[in-house]
């Protein structure tokens, strides 16, 4: 293993960002020793889909969502999630 430079202490995130914009991390970190990190609390990524619904069904969904004071897309996701749990 080659001698690695010591990562300096930063006073702010801005200082750290500026430092890494000007320096190569290979001088400071032996990436061969890196381990895969897990982040279980990250928000799930979403994927946009196209879903065709009858107009009257969508109107009913929007009215119900409005009475619950939530966006209609959120209501659709809630209904799908409940349906999956009951499968």
Protein backbone atom coordinates (compact mmCIF):
# COMPACT_ATOMS: atom_id res chain seq x y z
CA UNK A 1 0.00 0.00 0.00
CA UNK A 2 1.38 3.38 -0.96
CA UNK A 3 1.54 6.27 1.50
CA UNK A 4 -1.74 8.13 1.51
CA UNK A 5 -2.07 11.82 2.27
CA UNK A 6 -4.08 12.73 5.35
CA UNK A 7 -7.54 14.17 4.67
CA UNK A 8 -7.65 17.64 6.24
CA UNK A 9 -10.25 18.77 8.74
CA UNK A 10 -12.80 21.09 7.16
CA UNK A 11 -14.58 24.02 8.79
CA UNK A 12 -17.65 23.72 6.59
CA UNK A 13 -19.24 21.60 3.91
CA UNK A 14 -18.42 24.38 1.44
CA UNK A 15 -14.71 24.12 2.32
CA UNK A 16 -14.80 20.36 1.89
CA UNK A 17 -16.58 20.62 -1.46
CA UNK A 18 -14.01 23.14 -2.73
CA UNK A 19 -11.17 20.91 -1.56
CA UNK A 20 -12.46 17.83 -3.41
CA UNK A 21 -13.08 19.86 -6.55
CA UNK A 22 -9.34 20.52 -6.68
CA UNK A 23 -7.90 17.22 -5.36
CA UNK A 24 -7.97 13.62 -6.54
CA UNK A 25 -9.34 11.27 -3.89
CA UNK A 26 -6.87 8.58 -5.04
CA UNK A 27 -4.15 10.50 -3.17
CA UNK A 28 -6.10 10.22 0.10
CA UNK A 29 -8.12 7.00 -0.06
CA UNK A 30 -7.14 3.45 -1.00
CA UNK A 31 -10.28 2.51 -2.93
CA UNK A 32 -9.19 -1.15 -3.03
CA UNK A 33 -10.02 -1.24 0.69
CA UNK A 34 -13.48 0.31 0.21
CA UNK A 35 -16.51 -1.68 1.31
CA UNK A 36 -20.03 -1.52 -0.06
CA UNK A 37 -22.24 0.77 2.02
CA UNK A 38 -25.92 0.20 2.74
CA UNK A 39 -28.30 3.08 3.41
CA UNK A 40 -31.57 1.51 4.61
CA UNK A 41 -33.23 4.82 5.52
CA UNK A 42 -32.94 6.43 2.11
CA UNK A 43 -36.16 7.30 0.37
CA UNK A 44 -37.09 4.77 -2.29
CA UNK A 45 -36.47 5.86 -5.83
CA UNK A 46 -39.54 6.21 -7.99
CA UNK A 47 -40.22 5.49 -11.62
CA UNK A 48 -42.71 7.38 -13.74
CA UNK A 49 -45.32 5.26 -15.49
CA UNK A 50 -48.24 5.97 -17.77
CA UNK A 51 -51.56 4.57 -16.61
CA UNK A 52 -54.77 4.90 -18.60
CA UNK A 53 -57.90 5.12 -16.45
CA UNK A 54 -61.49 5.76 -17.45
CA UNK A 55 -62.24 9.46 -17.01
CA UNK A 56 -65.07 8.83 -14.55
CA UNK A 57 -62.80 6.63 -12.40
CA UNK A 58 -60.12 9.32 -12.30
CA UNK A 59 -62.76 11.91 -11.37
CA UNK A 60 -63.90 9.73 -8.45
CA UNK A 61 -60.31 9.25 -7.32
CA UNK A 62 -59.69 13.01 -7.40
CA UNK A 63 -62.89 13.72 -5.44
CA UNK A 64 -61.97 11.12 -2.79
CA UNK A 65 -58.40 12.44 -2.57
CA UNK A 66 -59.74 15.97 -2.15
CA UNK A 67 -61.94 14.88 0.78
CA UNK A 68 -58.85 13.27 2.37
CA UNK A 69 -56.78 16.40 1.60
CA UNK A 70 -54.08 14.43 -0.21
CA UNK A 71 -52.85 14.49 -3.81
CA UNK A 72 -54.73 12.03 -5.99
CA UNK A 73 -51.49 10.32 -7.05
CA UNK A 74 -50.79 9.60 -3.37
CA UNK A 75 -54.24 8.08 -2.99
CA UNK A 76 -53.63 5.83 -5.99
CA UNK A 77 -50.32 4.66 -4.47
CA UNK A 78 -52.02 3.99 -1.12
CA UNK A 79 -54.75 1.90 -2.75
CA UNK A 80 -52.20 -0.09 -4.78
CA UNK A 81 -50.07 -0.68 -1.64
CA UNK A 82 -53.09 -1.94 0.32
CA UNK A 83 -54.02 -4.23 -2.57
CA UNK A 84 -50.50 -5.67 -2.67
CA UNK A 85 -50.57 -6.35 1.07
CA UNK A 86 -53.85 -8.24 0.69
CA UNK A 87 -52.60 -10.48 -2.13
